Amino acid sequence: MAANVTLPEALPPLPTYELTEVQSLIPGVDDFYVSLMAPVVAYWVVSGIFHFIDTFDLFPQYRLHTPAEIASRNRASRYEVFRDVILQQIIQMGVGAVLAYLDPLSTTARRIWATRVRLAQRALPSVLAVLGINASSMAKSMSATHPLLAGALSGGHYPFLTTGLAGPDGSTVPAFAAWEIAVAKAIFWMVIPAMQFGIALLFLDTWQYWLHRIMHTNKWLYATFHSRHHRLYVPYAYGALYNHPFEGFLLDTLGAGIAYKLSFMTARQGIVFFTASTIKTVDDHCGYSLPWDPLQHISANNAAYHDIHHQSWGIKTNFSQPFFTFWDSFLGTMWKGDTSLKYERSRKNAENAVVAEAKKAQSSPSS
């Protein structure tokens, strides 16, 4: 029986590679400055688009609130909102500079996971045996017609794959199959980054849900910090980061920074993550439910969802932000029921307030 046991063959040598510094994303501009400015530029470009739509009232049919509501219900002036957002972005850039300084030098290389792909195949016969499949028999029957598949079924045994390029004195050494190289590259360039982004999104949503919820359940925290953000009963795009500076640092800046470090993202990935998070936050406060806006459809956590939280009747619900709603769903803090009558009442009250204010202005003696 022991005579039939095949010892694992030697692993193929990995291709040689050289570490080279990653070229700048924008020619002539260091990635350090791109990482600091990209989220800020994205914030004002996207919010500027929505402000343009607001100013010219281009899509009134998709508004969540009327202009009368913005004028009568909000308790913060446009200047106050602009000032606090700029302050928070200065803090963000400061933290971003620290993170960029702590990052290792970004390099690129021909690094592949081919060795791990080959080692993983050695477990395949045992896994198939648990399922009642004789991998050795299958490999033998298809060795002539499908040699690569037979090699995988036999535990990564490819005696016919050799190369003389890496052997000493020109001697032949084992080689990787083309599919192993392709899978290794896919893992390195797609699977691992996708997992890193997934970890970062999950952490940021968890961080923001619990801190946001605590800011509402603790009366002192709400009165001291979070109530400032809720002075905007009718959110608009460039008010997305209108917060108390400490809350903005704790909830947004620190949370995103920890998510970035915890997921071991590269600096280039960080630029995408921070910028995407910024755009999503702006879109969630835009005040429109635009059918062609992709960010309104990738998740139930969109402008309409978050707007409920800004209303006096929904303020104890819909804490989740900025990406998904799973915490609200799991913990029973998601708003349930029809909101149309509540929104209609708010519109009528705002219109009546504007009319009353206009009548008051007309009846008052001119100065």
Foldseek 3Di string as FASTA:
>chain_A
DVVPDDDDDDDFDDDDKDKDFDAAPDPPDHLLVLLLCLQVVLLCVLLVVLVVCVVVVVCVVFFLADPLLQVPQFDDDPVLLVVQLVVLSVVLSVVSNVLVVPADGHIDMLDWPLRVVLQVLQCQCVVVVVVVDRLQVVLVVCCVPCVVSSCSSNRNDDPPAWAQPPDPPSDIDHDGDPVSRVVRVCCVPPVLLVVLLVQLVVQLQVQQLVVLLCCVVDPVSVVVWVVQLLSRLQFAQSSLQRTDSVCSCRNPNVSNSCSCVVSVDHSVSSSVNSNVQSNQSSQLRHRGQDPPDVSVPVEVSGVVQVSLCSHPVLVQASSGDDHYCVVCVVVVRGDDDDCVVVSVVSNVVSVVVVVVVVVVVVPDDDD
